[in-house]
Structures are given as C-alpha cells and as structure tokens.
Amino acid sequence: MRKFTSLMFVAMFAVTGSSAAFATEYTKGTVKKVDMKAGKVTIIHEELANLDMPAMTMVFRTADPAMLEKMKAGDTIEFIADRVNGKLTVTELK
C-alpha cells in the first residue's frame, strides 16, 4: 500500500509539474495592420519569452480566423503566440 501511495504522489506531481511547464504568459502588443485576405496580423510586441524573441514588429497568422475580426489597427492587445506547423501564430487573444 505504501508503494502505491508513493506512485500516486509521483504521478500527481508529474501531471501538475508538466502542465505548469506549458503555462505561457500573455504578451502585450499593438496591432499595426490586419490583413483579412491573407489571414495575418502585424503586431508591434514586447518580448516573446516562450519563443526567445526580443520586442519587435512581426506578422503572425491566427489560430482562429475570427480573431482577425476582433482586431483593428491601433488596438492594444494581449496575446499568446507559438509556432504552429512551423508558422508563428497567435493562439490566444485577450
């Protein structure tokens, strides 16, 4: 029974520890341009720590095309970006 309890503790720690590793903070940015036709948005953003990128202006795809409809040039946003199929993509938007 003691061995089982130890294994359960290790399993719970592994699950909670790994989910914390995937937690990503939102990055602040300003929308410079929205290109609905191409499905892309240009964002002037702060450092993207999860992608090891300094602050700069970049073009991103969006995980959901509906995100583009929520943005317009000049908007201040908070977002999460990641590489999806090798493409820089906004995966979450506040």
PDB file of N, CA and C in Angstrom:
ATOM      1  N   MET A   1       0.822  -1.193   0.000  1.00  0.00           N
ATOM      2  CA  MET A   1       0.000   0.000   0.000  1.00  0.00           C
ATOM      3  C   MET A   1       0.863   1.252   0.000  1.00  0.00           C
ATOM      4  N   ARG A   2       1.949   1.232   0.732  1.00  0.00           N
ATOM      5  CA  ARG A   2       2.831   2.398   0.797  1.00  0.00           C
ATOM      6  C   ARG A   2       3.458   2.684  -0.568  1.00  0.00           C
ATOM      7  N   LYS A   3       3.810   1.626  -1.276  1.00  0.00           N
ATOM      8  CA  LYS A   3       4.395   1.771  -2.604  1.00  0.00           C
ATOM      9  C   LYS A   3       3.378   2.424  -3.555  1.00  0.00           C
ATOM     10  N   PHE A   4       2.128   1.993  -3.453  1.00  0.00           N
ATOM     11  CA  PHE A   4       1.052   2.543  -4.279  1.00  0.00           C
ATOM     12  C   PHE A   4       0.873   4.034  -4.003  1.00  0.00           C
ATOM     13  N   THR A   5       0.871   4.410  -2.734  1.00  0.00           N
ATOM     14  CA  THR A   5       0.725   5.814  -2.353  1.00  0.00           C
ATOM     15  C   THR A   5       1.875   6.646  -2.903  1.00  0.00           C
ATOM     16  N   SER A   6       3.074   6.110  -2.834  1.00  0.00           N
ATOM     17  CA  SER A   6       4.241   6.816  -3.373  1.00  0.00           C
ATOM     18  C   SER A   6       4.115   6.997  -4.880  1.00  0.00           C
ATOM     19  N   LEU A   7       3.668   5.952  -5.568  1.00  0.00           N
ATOM     20  CA  LEU A   7       3.497   6.046  -7.015  1.00  0.00           C
ATOM     21  C   LEU A   7       2.432   7.075  -7.384  1.00  0.00           C
ATOM     22  N   MET A   8       1.351   7.129  -6.615  1.00  0.00           N
ATOM     23  CA  MET A   8       0.294   8.107  -6.874  1.00  0.00           C
ATOM     24  C   MET A   8       0.815   9.525  -6.686  1.00  0.00           C
ATOM     25  N   PHE A   9       1.621   9.732  -5.648  1.00  0.00           N
ATOM     26  CA  PHE A   9       2.196  11.052  -5.400  1.00  0.00           C
ATOM     27  C   PHE A   9       3.089  11.466  -6.560  1.00  0.00           C
ATOM     28  N   VAL A  10       3.935  10.568  -7.034  1.00  0.00           N
ATOM     29  CA  VAL A  10       4.838  10.853  -8.149  1.00  0.00           C
ATOM     30  C   VAL A  10       4.031  11.156  -9.407  1.00  0.00           C
ATOM     31  N   ALA A  11       2.981  10.393  -9.654  1.00  0.00           N
ATOM     32  CA  ALA A  11       2.147  10.616 -10.833  1.00  0.00           C
ATOM     33  C   ALA A  11       1.455  11.978 -10.767  1.00  0.00           C
ATOM     34  N   MET A  12       0.929  12.343  -9.601  1.00  0.00           N
ATOM     35  CA  MET A  12       0.265  13.638  -9.454  1.00  0.00           C
ATOM     36  C   MET A  12       1.254  14.772  -9.649  1.00  0.00           C
ATOM     37  N   PHE A  13       2.448  14.634  -9.105  1.00  0.00           N
ATOM     38  CA  PHE A  13       3.472  15.658  -9.267  1.00  0.00           C
ATOM     39  C   PHE A  13       3.868  15.807 -10.733  1.00  0.00           C
ATOM     40  N   ALA A  14       3.998  14.695 -11.432  1.00  0.00           N
ATOM     41  CA  ALA A  14       4.384  14.732 -12.849  1.00  0.00           C
ATOM     42  C   ALA A  14       3.324  15.452 -13.673  1.00  0.00           C
ATOM     43  N   VAL A  15       2.066  15.195 -13.388  1.00  0.00           N
ATOM     44  CA  VAL A  15       0.985  15.826 -14.143  1.00  0.00           C
ATOM     45  C   VAL A  15       0.924  17.318 -13.856  1.00  0.00           C
ATOM     46  N   THR A  16       0.954  17.707 -12.593  1.00  0.00           N
ATOM     47  CA  THR A  16       0.858  19.131 -12.267  1.00  0.00           C
ATOM     48  C   THR A  16       2.129  19.864 -12.660  1.00  0.00           C
ATOM     49  N   GLY A  17       3.261  19.234 -12.532  1.00  0.00           N
ATOM     50  CA  GLY A  17       4.527  19.863 -12.919  1.00  0.00           C
ATOM     51  C   GLY A  17       4.609  20.092 -14.412  1.00  0.00           C
ATOM     52  N   SER A  18       4.149  19.129 -15.212  1.00  0.00           N
ATOM     53  CA  SER A  18       4.231  19.286 -16.657  1.00  0.00           C
ATOM     54  C   SER A  18       3.246  20.326 -17.162  1.00  0.00           C
ATOM     55  N   SER A  19       2.076  20.442 -16.546  1.00  0.00           N
ATOM     56  CA  SER A  19       1.122  21.452 -17.005  1.00  0.00           C
ATOM     57  C   SER A  19       1.639  22.847 -16.688  1.00  0.00           C
ATOM     58  N   ALA A  20       2.359  23.009 -15.606  1.00  0.00           N
ATOM     59  CA  ALA A  20       2.928  24.309 -15.280  1.00  0.00           C
ATOM     60  C   ALA A  20       3.999  24.690 -16.288  1.00  0.00           C
ATOM     61  N   ALA A  21       4.701  23.703 -16.816  1.00  0.00           N
ATOM     62  CA  ALA A  21       5.749  23.973 -17.798  1.00  0.00           C
ATOM     63  C   ALA A  21       5.149  24.519 -19.090  1.00  0.00           C
ATOM     64  N   PHE A  22       3.909  24.166 -19.390  1.00  0.00           N
ATOM     65  CA  PHE A  22       3.281  24.623 -20.618  1.00  0.00           C
ATOM     66  C   PHE A  22       2.548  25.951 -20.445  1.00  0.00           C
ATOM     67  N   ALA A  23       2.438  26.436 -19.230  1.00  0.00           N
ATOM     68  CA  ALA A  23       1.759  27.710 -18.992  1.00  0.00           C
ATOM     69  C   ALA A  23       2.569  28.827 -19.641  1.00  0.00           C
ATOM     70  N   THR A  24       1.896  29.678 -20.368  1.00  0.00           N
ATOM     71  CA  THR A  24       2.549  30.767 -21.067  1.00  0.00           C
ATOM     72  C   THR A  24       1.878  32.072 -20.676  1.00  0.00           C
ATOM     73  N   GLU A  25       2.678  33.094 -20.483  1.00  0.00           N
ATOM     74  CA  GLU A  25       2.131  34.394 -20.122  1.00  0.00           C
ATOM     75  C   GLU A  25       1.726  35.160 -21.373  1.00  0.00           C
ATOM     76  N   TYR A  26       0.740  36.010 -21.201  1.00  0.00           N
ATOM     77  CA  TYR A  26       0.306  36.858 -22.303  1.00  0.00           C
ATOM     78  C   TYR A  26       1.359  37.936 -22.558  1.00  0.00           C
ATOM     79  N   THR A  27       1.502  38.317 -23.815  1.00  0.00           N
ATOM     80  CA  THR A  27       2.426  39.368 -24.226  1.00  0.00           C
ATOM     81  C   THR A  27       1.600  40.561 -24.676  1.00  0.00           C
ATOM     82  N   LYS A  28       2.048  41.756 -24.328  1.00  0.00           N
ATOM     83  CA  LYS A  28       1.348  42.975 -24.746  1.00  0.00           C
ATOM     84  C   LYS A  28       1.839  43.389 -26.122  1.00  0.00           C
ATOM     85  N   GLY A  29       0.913  43.946 -26.895  1.00  0.00           N
ATOM     86  CA  GLY A  29       1.272  44.411 -28.223  1.00  0.00           C
ATOM     87  C   GLY A  29       0.273  45.415 -28.744  1.00  0.00           C
ATOM     88  N   THR A  30       0.636  46.024 -29.868  1.00  0.00           N
ATOM     89  CA  THR A  30      -0.244  46.961 -30.554  1.00  0.00           C
ATOM     90  C   THR A  30      -0.413  46.483 -31.988  1.00  0.00           C
ATOM     91  N   VAL A  31      -1.661  46.391 -32.419  1.00  0.00           N
ATOM     92  CA  VAL A  31      -1.948  45.950 -33.785  1.00  0.00           C
ATOM     93  C   VAL A  31      -1.553  47.056 -34.744  1.00  0.00           C
ATOM     94  N   LYS A  32      -0.702  46.713 -35.699  1.00  0.00           N
ATOM     95  CA  LYS A  32      -0.273  47.679 -36.704  1.00  0.00           C
ATOM     96  C   LYS A  32      -1.122  47.542 -37.968  1.00  0.00           C
ATOM     97  N   LYS A  33      -1.432  46.292 -38.342  1.00  0.00           N
ATOM     98  CA  LYS A  33      -2.186  46.062 -39.575  1.00  0.00           C
ATOM     99  C   LYS A  33      -2.902  44.720 -39.495  1.00  0.00           C
ATOM    100  N   VAL A  34      -4.125  44.659 -40.020  1.00  0.00           N
ATOM    101  CA  VAL A  34      -4.871  43.410 -40.126  1.00  0.00           C
ATOM    102  C   VAL A  34      -5.107  43.148 -41.605  1.00  0.00           C
ATOM    103  N   ASP A  35      -4.663  41.987 -42.071  1.00  0.00           N
ATOM    104  CA  ASP A  35      -4.845  41.600 -43.476  1.00  0.00           C
ATOM    105  C   ASP A  35      -5.806  40.414 -43.513  1.00  0.00           C
ATOM    106  N   MET A  36      -7.096  40.717 -43.630  1.00  0.00           N
ATOM    107  CA  MET A  36      -8.133  39.687 -43.613  1.00  0.00           C
ATOM    108  C   MET A  36      -7.953  38.702 -44.773  1.00  0.00           C
ATOM    109  N   LYS A  37      -7.607  39.219 -45.934  1.00  0.00           N
ATOM    110  CA  LYS A  37      -7.472  38.377 -47.126  1.00  0.00           C
ATOM    111  C   LYS A  37      -6.380  37.322 -46.950  1.00  0.00           C
ATOM    112  N   ALA A  38      -5.239  37.738 -46.390  1.00  0.00           N
ATOM    113  CA  ALA A  38      -4.116  36.818 -46.188  1.00  0.00           C
ATOM    114  C   ALA A  38      -4.240  36.047 -44.878  1.00  0.00           C
ATOM    115  N   GLY A  39      -5.156  36.484 -44.003  1.00  0.00           N
ATOM    116  CA  GLY A  39      -5.321  35.816 -42.715  1.00  0.00           C
ATOM    117  C   GLY A  39      -4.177  36.089 -41.759  1.00  0.00           C
ATOM    118  N   LYS A  40      -3.629  37.321 -41.815  1.00  0.00           N
ATOM    119  CA  LYS A  40      -2.470  37.664 -40.995  1.00  0.00           C
ATOM    120  C   LYS A  40      -2.682  38.997 -40.280  1.00  0.00           C
ATOM    121  N   VAL A  41      -1.917  39.170 -39.194  1.00  0.00           N
ATOM    122  CA  VAL A  41      -1.955  40.411 -38.431  1.00  0.00           C
ATOM    123  C   VAL A  41      -0.516  40.820 -38.127  1.00  0.00           C
ATOM    124  N   THR A  42      -0.232  42.110 -38.249  1.00  0.00           N
ATOM    125  CA  THR A  42       1.080  42.650 -37.907  1.00  0.00           C
ATOM    126  C   THR A  42       0.961  43.268 -36.523  1.00  0.00           C
ATOM    127  N   ILE A  43       1.858  42.840 -35.618  1.00  0.00           N
ATOM    128  CA  ILE A  43       1.800  43.288 -34.229  1.00  0.00           C
ATOM    129  C   ILE A  43       3.158  43.831 -33.794  1.00  0.00           C
ATOM    130  N   ILE A  44       3.140  45.010 -33.171  1.00  0.00           N
ATOM    131  CA  ILE A  44       4.322  45.568 -32.513  1.00  0.00           C
ATOM    132  C   ILE A  44       4.247  45.010 -31.094  1.00  0.00           C
ATOM    133  N   HIS A  45       5.164  44.115 -30.731  1.00  0.00           N
ATOM    134  CA  HIS A  45       5.016  43.396 -29.471  1.00  0.00           C
ATOM    135  C   HIS A  45       6.232  43.500 -28.559  1.00  0.00           C
ATOM    136  N   GLU A  46       5.975  43.205 -27.280  1.00  0.00           N
ATOM    137  CA  GLU A  46       7.039  43.093 -26.294  1.00  0.00           C
ATOM    138  C   GLU A  46       7.758  41.760 -26.526  1.00  0.00           C
ATOM    139  N   GLU A  47       8.731  41.464 -25.681  1.00  0.00           N
ATOM    140  CA  GLU A  47       9.476  40.211 -25.788  1.00  0.00           C
ATOM    141  C   GLU A  47       8.531  39.011 -25.729  1.00  0.00           C
ATOM    142  N   LEU A  48       8.777  38.040 -26.606  1.00  0.00           N
ATOM    143  CA  LEU A  48       8.044  36.772 -26.582  1.00  0.00           C
ATOM    144  C   LEU A  48       8.966  35.743 -25.935  1.00  0.00           C
ATOM    145  N   ALA A  49       8.860  35.614 -24.621  1.00  0.00           N
ATOM    146  CA  ALA A  49       9.783  34.759 -23.863  1.00  0.00           C
ATOM    147  C   ALA A  49       9.723  33.305 -24.311  1.00  0.00           C
ATOM    148  N   ASN A  50       8.528  32.789 -24.570  1.00  0.00           N
ATOM    149  CA  ASN A  50       8.404  31.380 -24.950  1.00  0.00           C
ATOM    150  C   ASN A  50       9.018  31.085 -26.316  1.00  0.00           C
ATOM    151  N   LEU A  51       9.164  32.104 -27.152  1.00  0.00           N
ATOM    152  CA  LEU A  51       9.785  31.924 -28.468  1.00  0.00           C
ATOM    153  C   LEU A  51      11.209  32.465 -28.509  1.00  0.00           C
ATOM    154  N   ASP A  52      11.683  32.969 -27.365  1.00  0.00           N
ATOM    155  CA  ASP A  52      13.030  33.528 -27.239  1.00  0.00           C
ATOM    156  C   ASP A  52      13.267  34.636 -28.275  1.00  0.00           C
ATOM    157  N   MET A  53      12.274  35.566 -28.373  1.00  0.00           N
ATOM    158  CA  MET A  53      12.349  36.673 -29.333  1.00  0.00           C
ATOM    159  C   MET A  53      12.262  38.006 -28.606  1.00  0.00           C
ATOM    160  N   PRO A  54      13.104  38.949 -28.991  1.00  0.00           N
ATOM    161  CA  PRO A  54      13.029  40.279 -28.376  1.00  0.00           C
ATOM    162  C   PRO A  54      11.812  41.047 -28.898  1.00  0.00           C
ATOM    163  N   ALA A  55      11.567  42.184 -28.306  1.00  0.00           N
ATOM    164  CA  ALA A  55      10.472  43.049 -28.763  1.00  0.00           C
ATOM    165  C   ALA A  55      10.750  43.479 -30.198  1.00  0.00           C
ATOM    166  N   MET A  56       9.721  43.463 -31.030  1.00  0.00           N
ATOM    167  CA  MET A  56       9.851  43.855 -32.435  1.00  0.00           C
ATOM    168  C   MET A  56       8.473  43.917 -33.078  1.00  0.00           C
ATOM    169  N   THR A  57       8.448  44.187 -34.370  1.00  0.00           N
ATOM    170  CA  THR A  57       7.215  44.156 -35.143  1.00  0.00           C
ATOM    171  C   THR A  57       7.250  42.909 -36.013  1.00  0.00           C
ATOM    172  N   MET A  58       6.191  42.101 -35.946  1.00  0.00           N
ATOM    173  CA  MET A  58       6.144  40.842 -36.695  1.00  0.00           C
ATOM    174  C   MET A  58       4.763  40.599 -37.266  1.00  0.00           C
ATOM    175  N   VAL A  59       4.736  39.751 -38.287  1.00  0.00           N
ATOM    176  CA  VAL A  59       3.481  39.308 -38.891  1.00  0.00           C
ATOM    177  C   VAL A  59       3.182  37.915 -38.356  1.00  0.00           C
ATOM    178  N   PHE A  60       1.941  37.715 -37.927  1.00  0.00           N
ATOM    179  CA  PHE A  60       1.503  36.436 -37.379  1.00  0.00           C
ATOM    180  C   PHE A  60       0.278  35.942 -38.122  1.00  0.00           C
ATOM    181  N   ARG A  61       0.102  34.645 -38.154  1.00  0.00           N
ATOM    182  CA  ARG A  61      -1.159  34.035 -38.541  1.00  0.00           C
ATOM    183  C   ARG A  61      -1.995  33.973 -37.265  1.00  0.00           C
ATOM    184  N   THR A  62      -3.264  33.615 -37.382  1.00  0.00           N
ATOM    185  CA  THR A  62      -4.086  33.418 -36.195  1.00  0.00           C
ATOM    186  C   THR A  62      -4.618  31.987 -36.193  1.00  0.00           C
ATOM    187  N   ALA A  63      -4.715  31.404 -34.999  1.00  0.00           N
ATOM    188  CA  ALA A  63      -5.210  30.034 -34.877  1.00  0.00           C
ATOM    189  C   ALA A  63      -6.670  29.948 -35.317  1.00  0.00           C
ATOM    190  N   ASP A  64      -7.405  31.036 -35.108  1.00  0.00           N
ATOM    191  CA  ASP A  64      -8.820  31.094 -35.466  1.00  0.00           C
ATOM    192  C   ASP A  64      -9.043  32.365 -36.283  1.00  0.00           C
ATOM    193  N   PRO A  65      -9.533  32.242 -37.518  1.00  0.00           N
ATOM    194  CA  PRO A  65      -9.760  33.436 -38.345  1.00  0.00           C
ATOM    195  C   PRO A  65     -10.665  34.484 -37.691  1.00  0.00           C
ATOM    196  N   ALA A  66     -11.524  34.069 -36.771  1.00  0.00           N
ATOM    197  CA  ALA A  66     -12.418  35.010 -36.076  1.00  0.00           C
ATOM    198  C   ALA A  66     -11.628  36.009 -35.236  1.00  0.00           C
ATOM    199  N   MET A  67     -10.407  35.662 -34.847  1.00  0.00           N
ATOM    200  CA  MET A  67      -9.571  36.588 -34.077  1.00  0.00           C
ATOM    201  C   MET A  67      -9.298  37.860 -34.877  1.00  0.00           C
ATOM    202  N   LEU A  68      -9.128  37.719 -36.180  1.00  0.00           N
ATOM    203  CA  LEU A  68      -8.836  38.879 -37.028  1.00  0.00           C
ATOM    204  C   LEU A  68      -9.975  39.892 -36.992  1.00  0.00           C
ATOM    205  N   GLU A  69     -11.191  39.402 -36.875  1.00  0.00           N
ATOM    206  CA  GLU A  69     -12.356  40.283 -36.849  1.00  0.00           C
ATOM    207  C   GLU A  69     -12.419  41.103 -35.560  1.00  0.00           C
ATOM    208  N   LYS A  70     -11.732  40.640 -34.523  1.00  0.00           N
ATOM    209  CA  LYS A  70     -11.740  41.327 -33.234  1.00  0.00           C
ATOM    210  C   LYS A  70     -10.646  42.386 -33.129  1.00  0.00           C
ATOM    211  N   MET A  71      -9.785  42.483 -34.161  1.00  0.00           N
ATOM    212  CA  MET A  71      -8.659  43.410 -34.104  1.00  0.00           C
ATOM    213  C   MET A  71      -8.740  44.452 -35.211  1.00  0.00           C
ATOM    214  N   LYS A  72      -8.213  45.643 -34.889  1.00  0.00           N
ATOM    215  CA  LYS A  72      -8.063  46.688 -35.901  1.00  0.00           C
ATOM    216  C   LYS A  72      -6.787  47.465 -35.594  1.00  0.00           C
ATOM    217  N   ALA A  73      -6.249  48.128 -36.583  1.00  0.00           N
ATOM    218  CA  ALA A  73      -5.015  48.895 -36.404  1.00  0.00           C
ATOM    219  C   ALA A  73      -5.162  49.867 -35.242  1.00  0.00           C
ATOM    220  N   GLY A  74      -4.150  49.893 -34.383  1.00  0.00           N
ATOM    221  CA  GLY A  74      -4.148  50.782 -33.235  1.00  0.00           C
ATOM    222  C   GLY A  74      -4.611  50.136 -31.940  1.00  0.00           C
ATOM    223  N   ASP A  75      -5.248  48.971 -32.020  1.00  0.00           N
ATOM    224  CA  ASP A  75      -5.715  48.280 -30.813  1.00  0.00           C
ATOM    225  C   ASP A  75      -4.535  47.816 -29.967  1.00  0.00           C
ATOM    226  N   THR A  76      -4.669  47.975 -28.660  1.00  0.00           N
ATOM    227  CA  THR A  76      -3.716  47.400 -27.720  1.00  0.00           C
ATOM    228  C   THR A  76      -4.273  46.049 -27.320  1.00  0.00           C
ATOM    229  N   ILE A  77      -3.454  44.998 -27.454  1.00  0.00           N
ATOM    230  CA  ILE A  77      -3.919  43.642 -27.179  1.00  0.00           C
ATOM    231  C   ILE A  77      -2.957  42.912 -26.245  1.00  0.00           C
ATOM    232  N   GLU A  78      -3.421  41.816 -25.712  1.00  0.00           N
ATOM    233  CA  GLU A  78      -2.581  40.855 -25.000  1.00  0.00           C
ATOM    234  C   GLU A  78      -2.822  39.528 -25.683  1.00  0.00           C
ATOM    235  N   PHE A  79      -1.736  38.821 -26.004  1.00  0.00           N
ATOM    236  CA  PHE A  79      -1.865  37.601 -26.793  1.00  0.00           C
ATOM    237  C   PHE A  79      -0.796  36.586 -26.419  1.00  0.00           C
ATOM    238  N   ILE A  80      -1.045  35.358 -26.853  1.00  0.00           N
ATOM    239  CA  ILE A  80      -0.051  34.296 -26.748  1.00  0.00           C
ATOM    240  C   ILE A  80       0.244  33.845 -28.168  1.00  0.00           C
ATOM    241  N   ALA A  81       1.527  33.753 -28.486  1.00  0.00           N
ATOM    242  CA  ALA A  81       1.946  33.296 -29.803  1.00  0.00           C
ATOM    243  C   ALA A  81       2.801  32.052 -29.637  1.00  0.00           C
ATOM    244  N   ASP A  82       2.745  31.194 -30.642  1.00  0.00           N
ATOM    245  CA  ASP A  82       3.551  29.982 -30.638  1.00  0.00           C
ATOM    246  C   ASP A  82       3.786  29.567 -32.086  1.00  0.00           C
ATOM    247  N   ARG A  83       4.653  28.593 -32.262  1.00  0.00           N
ATOM    248  CA  ARG A  83       4.863  28.036 -33.601  1.00  0.00           C
ATOM    249  C   ARG A  83       3.849  26.911 -33.806  1.00  0.00           C
ATOM    250  N   VAL A  84       3.042  27.044 -34.854  1.00  0.00           N
ATOM    251  CA  VAL A  84       2.065  26.026 -35.208  1.00  0.00           C
ATOM    252  C   VAL A  84       2.386  25.598 -36.632  1.00  0.00           C
ATOM    253  N   ASN A  85       2.763  24.356 -36.791  1.00  0.00           N
ATOM    254  CA  ASN A  85       3.197  23.841 -38.092  1.00  0.00           C
ATOM    255  C   ASN A  85       4.286  24.718 -38.705  1.00  0.00           C
ATOM    256  N   GLY A  86       5.198  25.188 -37.850  1.00  0.00           N
ATOM    257  CA  GLY A  86       6.336  25.991 -38.308  1.00  0.00           C
ATOM    258  C   GLY A  86       6.028  27.458 -38.549  1.00  0.00           C
ATOM    259  N   LYS A  87       4.782  27.873 -38.361  1.00  0.00           N
ATOM    260  CA  LYS A  87       4.378  29.263 -38.612  1.00  0.00           C
ATOM    261  C   LYS A  87       4.104  29.967 -37.284  1.00  0.00           C
ATOM    262  N   LEU A  88       4.564  31.211 -37.159  1.00  0.00           N
ATOM    263  CA  LEU A  88       4.271  31.997 -35.962  1.00  0.00           C
ATOM    264  C   LEU A  88       2.779  32.317 -35.966  1.00  0.00           C
ATOM    265  N   THR A  89       2.122  31.932 -34.882  1.00  0.00           N
ATOM    266  CA  THR A  89       0.663  32.011 -34.829  1.00  0.00           C
ATOM    267  C   THR A  89       0.186  32.555 -33.497  1.00  0.00           C
ATOM    268  N   VAL A  90      -0.779  33.469 -33.552  1.00  0.00           N
ATOM    269  CA  VAL A  90      -1.447  33.945 -32.343  1.00  0.00           C
ATOM    270  C   VAL A  90      -2.430  32.837 -31.974  1.00  0.00           C
ATOM    271  N   THR A  91      -2.226  32.237 -30.797  1.00  0.00           N
ATOM    272  CA  THR A  91      -3.066  31.120 -30.383  1.00  0.00           C
ATOM    273  C   THR A  91      -4.148  31.544 -29.393  1.00  0.00           C
ATOM    274  N   GLU A  92      -3.905  32.634 -28.648  1.00  0.00           N
ATOM    275  CA  GLU A  92      -4.903  33.147 -27.707  1.00  0.00           C
ATOM    276  C   GLU A  92      -4.868  34.660 -27.737  1.00  0.00           C
ATOM    277  N   LEU A  93      -6.031  35.267 -27.501  1.00  0.00           N
ATOM    278  CA  LEU A  93      -6.177  36.711 -27.563  1.00  0.00           C
ATOM    279  C   LEU A  93      -7.080  37.180 -26.436  1.00  0.00           C
ATOM    280  N   LYS A  94      -6.640  38.233 -25.726  1.00  0.00           N
ATOM    281  CA  LYS A  94      -7.484  38.840 -24.679  1.00  0.00           C
ATOM    282  C   LYS A  94      -8.188  40.043 -25.251  1.00  0.00           C
TER     283      LYS A  94
END
